[in-house]
Protein backbone atom coordinates (compact mmCIF):
# COMPACT_ATOMS: atom_id res chain seq x y z
CA UNK A 1 -119.77 21.16 -136.64
CA UNK A 2 -116.69 20.24 -138.34
CA UNK A 3 -116.13 22.38 -141.42
CA UNK A 4 -115.03 20.64 -144.64
CA UNK A 5 -111.88 22.02 -146.39
CA UNK A 6 -114.14 24.05 -148.83
CA UNK A 7 -115.69 25.72 -146.08
CA UNK A 8 -112.39 26.16 -144.37
CA UNK A 9 -111.02 27.74 -147.42
CA UNK A 10 -113.95 29.99 -147.87
CA UNK A 11 -113.95 31.13 -144.04
CA UNK A 12 -110.09 31.89 -144.60
CA UNK A 13 -110.96 34.17 -147.37
CA UNK A 14 -113.69 35.81 -145.93
CA UNK A 15 -111.13 36.74 -143.37
CA UNK A 16 -108.42 37.87 -145.53
CA UNK A 17 -110.92 40.46 -147.26
CA UNK A 18 -112.16 41.37 -143.65
CA UNK A 19 -108.71 41.56 -141.98
CA UNK A 20 -105.54 43.71 -141.92
CA UNK A 21 -103.61 40.57 -142.67
CA UNK A 22 -101.01 38.86 -145.16
CA UNK A 23 -101.05 35.14 -145.22
CA UNK A 24 -97.24 34.01 -146.21
CA UNK A 25 -96.99 30.35 -147.17
CA UNK A 26 -93.49 28.40 -147.44
CA UNK A 27 -93.11 26.52 -150.61
CA UNK A 28 -92.86 23.20 -148.59
CA UNK A 29 -96.44 23.89 -147.38
CA UNK A 30 -99.50 21.45 -148.05
CA UNK A 31 -100.74 22.37 -151.42
CA UNK A 32 -104.16 23.47 -149.52
CA UNK A 33 -102.20 25.78 -147.50
CA UNK A 34 -99.60 26.76 -149.92
CA UNK A 35 -102.58 27.88 -152.35
CA UNK A 36 -103.87 30.48 -149.61
CA UNK A 37 -100.88 32.29 -149.63
CA UNK A 38 -100.67 35.97 -150.47
CA UNK A 39 -96.99 35.80 -150.57
CA UNK A 40 -95.24 32.66 -151.28
CA UNK A 41 -91.50 31.40 -151.67
CA UNK A 42 -88.51 30.25 -149.80
CA UNK A 43 -87.87 31.47 -146.24
CA UNK A 44 -85.43 34.58 -146.39
CA UNK A 45 -87.56 35.65 -149.76
CA UNK A 46 -90.55 35.63 -147.59
CA UNK A 47 -89.42 37.99 -144.58
CA UNK A 48 -87.71 40.18 -147.09
CA UNK A 49 -90.91 40.65 -148.89
CA UNK A 50 -93.04 40.73 -145.98
CA UNK A 51 -91.24 43.54 -144.61
CA UNK A 52 -92.77 45.97 -147.40
CA UNK A 53 -95.89 44.91 -147.05
CA UNK A 54 -98.58 47.16 -145.20
CA UNK A 55 -100.62 44.72 -143.47
CA UNK A 56 -100.98 45.07 -139.41
CA UNK A 57 -100.39 41.09 -139.04
CA UNK A 58 -98.33 38.77 -141.02
CA UNK A 59 -99.55 35.06 -140.80
CA UNK A 60 -96.81 32.74 -141.51
CA UNK A 61 -97.32 29.19 -142.59
CA UNK A 62 -93.79 27.60 -142.17
CA UNK A 63 -91.90 26.78 -139.17
CA UNK A 64 -90.65 28.86 -136.23
CA UNK A 65 -87.30 30.00 -137.02
CA UNK A 66 -89.06 31.43 -140.31
CA UNK A 67 -91.56 33.47 -138.43
CA UNK A 68 -88.80 34.70 -136.20
CA UNK A 69 -86.79 36.00 -139.15
CA UNK A 70 -90.01 37.89 -140.56
CA UNK A 71 -90.26 39.71 -136.79
CA UNK A 72 -86.54 40.24 -136.53
CA UNK A 73 -86.55 42.00 -139.86
CA UNK A 74 -89.82 43.77 -139.13
CA UNK A 75 -90.08 44.34 -135.23
CA UNK A 76 -93.16 46.82 -135.58
CA UNK A 77 -95.30 44.19 -137.13
CA UNK A 78 -97.44 41.45 -135.51
CA UNK A 79 -96.47 38.21 -136.74
CA UNK A 80 -98.64 34.78 -135.68
CA UNK A 81 -98.17 31.13 -136.88
CA UNK A 82 -100.99 29.03 -137.23
CA UNK A 83 -98.81 26.27 -135.74
CA UNK A 84 -95.33 26.99 -134.40
CA UNK A 85 -93.64 24.03 -135.63
CA UNK A 86 -89.96 23.76 -135.20
CA UNK A 87 -87.58 22.94 -138.08
CA UNK A 88 -85.52 19.63 -136.69
CA UNK A 89 -82.24 21.36 -137.90
CA UNK A 90 -82.79 24.33 -136.12
CA UNK A 91 -83.59 22.44 -132.86
CA UNK A 92 -80.11 20.63 -133.13
CA UNK A 93 -78.54 24.10 -132.02
CA UNK A 94 -79.37 26.50 -129.36
CA UNK A 95 -77.23 29.18 -127.50
CA UNK A 96 -75.67 26.55 -125.41
CA UNK A 97 -74.84 24.30 -128.10
CA UNK A 98 -73.41 26.95 -130.01
CA UNK A 99 -71.04 28.28 -127.21
CA UNK A 100 -69.68 24.77 -126.67
CA UNK A 101 -68.68 25.01 -130.22
CA UNK A 102 -66.57 27.83 -129.83
CA UNK A 103 -64.73 26.72 -126.72
CA UNK A 104 -63.86 23.45 -128.86
CA UNK A 105 -62.25 25.98 -131.26
CA UNK A 106 -60.67 27.67 -128.46
CA UNK A 107 -59.34 24.37 -127.01
CA UNK A 108 -57.71 23.78 -130.64
CA UNK A 109 -55.79 27.23 -130.04
CA UNK A 110 -58.35 29.40 -132.12
CA UNK A 111 -59.22 32.36 -130.52
CA UNK A 112 -62.51 34.22 -130.80
CA UNK A 113 -60.83 37.11 -132.91
CA UNK A 114 -59.61 34.39 -135.06
CA UNK A 115 -63.15 33.11 -135.51
CA UNK A 116 -65.66 34.31 -137.95
CA UNK A 117 -69.17 32.70 -137.63
CA UNK A 118 -71.85 32.39 -140.41
CA UNK A 119 -75.36 30.52 -139.48
CA UNK A 120 -77.49 29.29 -141.90
CA UNK A 121 -81.07 30.85 -142.07
CA UNK A 122 -82.50 27.59 -140.67
CA UNK A 123 -81.34 28.60 -136.79
CA UNK A 124 -83.31 30.53 -134.02
CA UNK A 125 -83.17 34.13 -133.52
CA UNK A 126 -80.87 33.11 -130.32
CA UNK A 127 -78.20 31.33 -132.63
CA UNK A 128 -78.32 34.35 -134.91
CA UNK A 129 -77.91 36.79 -132.05
CA UNK A 130 -74.77 34.62 -130.69
CA UNK A 131 -73.72 34.94 -134.32
CA UNK A 132 -74.20 38.72 -134.60
CA UNK A 133 -72.65 39.53 -131.20
CA UNK A 134 -69.46 37.67 -132.49
CA UNK A 135 -69.15 39.74 -135.83
CA UNK A 136 -70.74 37.09 -138.31
CA UNK A 137 -73.82 36.97 -140.23
CA UNK A 138 -76.58 34.94 -141.73
CA UNK A 139 -76.39 32.86 -145.29
CA UNK A 140 -79.12 30.79 -147.23
CA UNK A 141 -78.65 27.99 -149.40
CA UNK A 142 -78.60 29.88 -152.33
CA UNK A 143 -75.89 32.92 -151.37
CA UNK A 144 -73.60 30.51 -148.79
CA UNK A 145 -70.96 30.69 -151.50
CA UNK A 146 -70.85 34.36 -152.04
CA UNK A 147 -71.14 34.95 -147.99
CA UNK A 148 -68.05 32.62 -147.28
CA UNK A 149 -65.99 34.02 -150.23
CA UNK A 150 -66.49 37.33 -148.89
CA UNK A 151 -66.09 36.33 -145.15
CA UNK A 152 -63.10 34.48 -145.96
CA UNK A 153 -61.08 37.58 -147.05
CA UNK A 154 -60.37 38.77 -143.25
CA UNK A 155 -58.37 35.36 -143.10
CA UNK A 156 -60.13 34.00 -140.30
CA UNK A 157 -61.41 30.37 -139.70
CA UNK A 158 -65.18 29.93 -140.67
CA UNK A 159 -67.38 28.51 -137.84
CA UNK A 160 -70.52 27.26 -140.08
CA UNK A 161 -73.48 26.32 -138.14
CA UNK A 162 -75.81 24.63 -138.24
CA UNK A 163 -76.05 22.37 -141.44
CA UNK A 164 -72.49 20.46 -141.72
CA UNK A 165 -73.72 19.41 -145.30
CA UNK A 166 -74.34 22.80 -146.56
CA UNK A 167 -71.00 23.80 -145.26
CA UNK A 168 -69.05 21.21 -146.51
CA UNK A 169 -70.58 21.15 -149.92
CA UNK A 170 -69.44 24.56 -150.27
CA UNK A 171 -65.99 24.00 -148.97
CA UNK A 172 -66.26 21.35 -151.68
CA UNK A 173 -67.34 23.56 -154.43
CA UNK A 174 -64.49 26.14 -153.43
CA UNK A 175 -61.74 23.68 -152.77
CA UNK A 176 -61.57 24.31 -149.30
CA UNK A 177 -60.92 22.15 -146.31
CA UNK A 178 -63.71 21.41 -143.68
CA UNK A 179 -64.16 19.37 -140.95
CA UNK A 180 -66.93 18.69 -138.23
CA UNK A 181 -67.00 19.90 -134.88
CA UNK A 182 -65.59 17.42 -132.41
CA UNK A 183 -65.17 14.73 -135.15
CA UNK A 184 -61.72 14.04 -134.07
CA UNK A 185 -59.82 15.94 -136.38
CA UNK A 186 -58.11 19.32 -135.82
CA UNK A 187 -60.06 22.39 -136.25
CA UNK A 188 -57.10 24.46 -136.84
CA UNK A 189 -56.54 22.58 -140.08
CA UNK A 190 -59.49 23.38 -141.87
CA UNK A 191 -60.83 26.44 -143.17
CA UNK A 192 -64.61 25.96 -142.32
CA UNK A 193 -65.27 23.97 -139.37
CA UNK A 194 -69.01 22.78 -139.50
CA UNK A 195 -71.60 22.20 -136.50
CA UNK A 196 -72.83 18.62 -136.74
CA UNK A 197 -76.73 19.43 -137.74
CA UNK A 198 -78.28 18.18 -140.70
CA UNK A 199 -81.88 18.13 -142.35
CA UNK A 200 -83.80 15.00 -141.84
CA UNK A 201 -85.56 15.18 -145.14
CA UNK A 202 -82.40 15.72 -147.08
CA UNK A 203 -80.78 12.59 -145.69
CA UNK A 204 -83.15 10.31 -147.19
CA UNK A 205 -81.75 10.50 -150.79
CA UNK A 206 -78.93 7.82 -151.30
CA UNK A 207 -76.45 7.20 -154.00
CA UNK A 208 -78.35 4.00 -154.96
CA UNK A 209 -81.41 6.32 -155.82
CA UNK A 210 -79.22 7.87 -158.22
CA UNK A 211 -77.79 4.56 -159.77
CA UNK A 212 -81.56 3.12 -159.77
CA UNK A 213 -82.73 6.27 -162.14
CA UNK A 214 -79.84 6.55 -164.34
CA UNK A 215 -80.15 2.62 -164.92
CA UNK A 216 -83.81 3.03 -165.49
CA UNK A 217 -83.54 6.27 -167.58
CA UNK A 218 -80.34 6.85 -169.38
CA UNK A 219 -79.93 10.62 -170.04
CA UNK A 220 -82.06 11.60 -166.86
CA UNK A 221 -80.73 14.65 -165.02
CA UNK A 222 -80.41 14.56 -161.18
CA UNK A 223 -80.82 17.92 -159.07
CA UNK A 224 -80.69 18.30 -155.39
CA UNK A 225 -80.69 20.53 -152.70
CA UNK A 226 -77.26 21.09 -151.13
CA UNK A 227 -78.38 20.16 -147.83
CA UNK A 228 -78.03 16.63 -148.96
CA UNK A 229 -74.99 14.45 -148.24
CA UNK A 230 -71.76 15.93 -150.05
CA UNK A 231 -71.67 12.38 -151.82
CA UNK A 232 -75.04 12.92 -153.16
CA UNK A 233 -74.29 16.18 -154.28
CA UNK A 234 -71.18 15.14 -155.89
CA UNK A 235 -72.88 12.51 -157.76
CA UNK A 236 -75.63 14.94 -159.24
CA UNK A 237 -76.06 17.33 -162.34
CA UNK A 238 -77.13 20.46 -160.68
CA UNK A 239 -77.16 21.36 -157.00
CA UNK A 240 -79.20 24.36 -155.85
CA UNK A 241 -81.54 26.19 -153.21
CA UNK A 242 -85.10 25.66 -153.51
CA UNK A 243 -85.50 28.75 -155.64
CA UNK A 244 -82.68 27.89 -158.03
CA UNK A 245 -83.90 24.18 -158.47
CA UNK A 246 -87.40 25.65 -159.63
CA UNK A 247 -85.76 28.02 -161.88
CA UNK A 248 -83.65 25.12 -163.24
CA UNK A 249 -86.24 22.59 -163.78
CA UNK A 250 -88.72 25.16 -165.16
CA UNK A 251 -86.22 25.97 -168.01
CA UNK A 252 -85.59 22.48 -169.16
CA UNK A 253 -87.12 21.03 -172.20
CA UNK A 254 -90.81 19.08 -171.27
CA UNK A 255 -89.05 16.06 -172.28
CA UNK A 256 -86.16 15.96 -170.36
CA UNK A 257 -86.52 13.79 -167.44
CA UNK A 258 -85.28 14.63 -164.27
CA UNK A 259 -85.26 13.44 -160.35
CA UNK A 260 -85.10 15.75 -157.80
CA UNK A 261 -83.89 15.54 -154.27
CA UNK A 262 -85.84 17.94 -152.10
CA UNK A 263 -89.12 18.06 -150.33
CA UNK A 264 -91.86 16.46 -151.88
CA UNK A 265 -94.76 19.19 -151.81
CA UNK A 266 -92.41 21.69 -153.34
CA UNK A 267 -91.54 19.11 -156.29
CA UNK A 268 -94.85 17.84 -156.83
CA UNK A 269 -95.74 21.36 -158.01
CA UNK A 270 -92.96 21.69 -160.56
CA UNK A 271 -94.39 20.17 -163.54
CA UNK A 272 -96.56 17.16 -164.23
CA UNK A 273 -94.37 15.21 -166.60
CA UNK A 274 -91.01 13.54 -166.57
CA UNK A 275 -90.23 14.64 -162.85
CA UNK A 276 -89.40 12.10 -160.27
CA UNK A 277 -88.76 12.34 -156.70
CA UNK A 278 -85.24 10.83 -155.91
CA UNK A 279 -86.48 8.72 -153.22
CA UNK A 280 -87.92 5.37 -152.29
CA UNK A 281 -89.66 6.72 -149.52
CA UNK A 282 -91.89 10.24 -149.66
CA UNK A 283 -89.44 13.22 -148.55
CA UNK A 284 -92.16 15.12 -146.81
CA UNK A 285 -91.20 17.22 -144.00
CA UNK A 286 -92.95 16.39 -140.64
CA UNK A 287 -93.03 19.78 -139.31
CA UNK A 288 -93.60 21.94 -142.46
CA UNK A 289 -96.85 19.58 -142.79
CA UNK A 290 -98.03 20.40 -139.15
CA UNK A 291 -100.16 23.26 -140.76
CA UNK A 292 -103.52 22.56 -141.54
CA UNK A 293 -106.11 24.59 -143.08
CA UNK A 294 -108.08 24.42 -139.65
CA UNK A 295 -104.92 25.86 -137.97
CA UNK A 296 -105.07 28.72 -140.52
CA UNK A 297 -108.56 29.38 -140.03
CA UNK A 298 -108.42 29.30 -136.04
CA UNK A 299 -105.37 31.94 -135.95
CA UNK A 300 -107.41 34.16 -138.41
CA UNK A 301 -110.55 33.87 -136.14
CA UNK A 302 -108.25 34.55 -133.09
CA UNK A 303 -107.13 38.12 -134.86
CA UNK A 304 -111.02 38.88 -135.73
CA UNK A 305 -111.87 37.81 -131.98
CA UNK A 306 -109.29 40.06 -130.74
CA UNK A 307 -107.25 37.34 -129.09
CA UNK A 308 -104.30 36.52 -131.82
CA UNK A 309 -102.84 33.21 -131.20
CA UNK A 310 -99.45 31.86 -131.25
CA UNK A 311 -97.36 35.44 -131.83
CA UNK A 312 -93.83 35.67 -132.23
CA UNK A 313 -92.13 37.32 -129.16
CA UNK A 314 -88.40 37.97 -129.35
CA UNK A 315 -86.51 39.32 -126.56
CA UNK A 316 -84.88 42.83 -127.25
CA UNK A 317 -81.26 42.12 -127.23
CA UNK A 318 -81.70 38.90 -128.79
CA UNK A 319 -83.72 41.03 -131.73
CA UNK A 320 -80.79 43.48 -131.78
CA UNK A 321 -78.15 41.08 -132.53
CA UNK A 322 -80.14 38.75 -134.77
CA UNK A 323 -81.29 41.65 -137.08
CA UNK A 324 -77.37 42.69 -137.41
CA UNK A 325 -76.39 39.29 -138.70
CA UNK A 326 -79.10 39.17 -140.97
CA UNK A 327 -78.45 42.83 -142.28
CA UNK A 328 -75.04 41.96 -142.66
CA UNK A 329 -75.98 39.36 -145.21
CA UNK A 330 -78.29 41.65 -146.99
CA UNK A 331 -75.96 44.56 -147.40
CA UNK A 332 -73.55 41.77 -149.50
């Protein structure tokens, strides 16, 4: 017999009390899943907070690279995912695509010794490991500027993967020159060379959307995520990571209208009035929304049955170098 959502919630809570398990949920999850998270937040924040948790099992409601990050930082934990959904941006680059990008720089006269790679947290453990082996490190959208500022001190070219928009936006903020791998320009002329990846959700926002809201509500603020196109970020009043957006919006006066350019589920929880989605279409991440209450129930039941589903496993050498890349970031 098919259980209702309320019945599933009751069963999930029963398992949470019975089992040595912590349910972790990203901001972009469906409301009904997010509400059941013992730890909620943004991707790296979740991996770091989970590291200090005592439960044997972590059930991570998010996308694949996030579950991998938990396992990389906490190799002794058993990490399961209700649904191993894959971030579209993370899928745009694998080890081979990374190696090809490095070769493109080599062909432009930039040796490996003069490349410092930085990978956005939205990447697989395989890519993080490649970056770690080359002496590079990981960044998030909230600390990318700090990481890049420090990285530039060594005088090398920055290879930034996989999100070209975040790389270009940080370069613009810092007055640096950027280019995209294989866009026809000479990488040797750029400070930051970006892989041609992107977030499909954050590409939905347009300058027409901004013009529409500014005309409809004079004085409205526009706040967007740095995964948006540089033209959108340049036309906005505030650009920040998920956690920075939440803080910025919560501190606004209640009467201040704001249009927000990021994932729908997160924005819909911010505040009930004077908050708008900066898009004529619903900017909902399809992979983040794959996880359902049924999936969460099934994975918890599998633990109780002694046959855990969807456990994250990472090859030992990949684990080692990905952890080094992450710990280099955390050290800063």
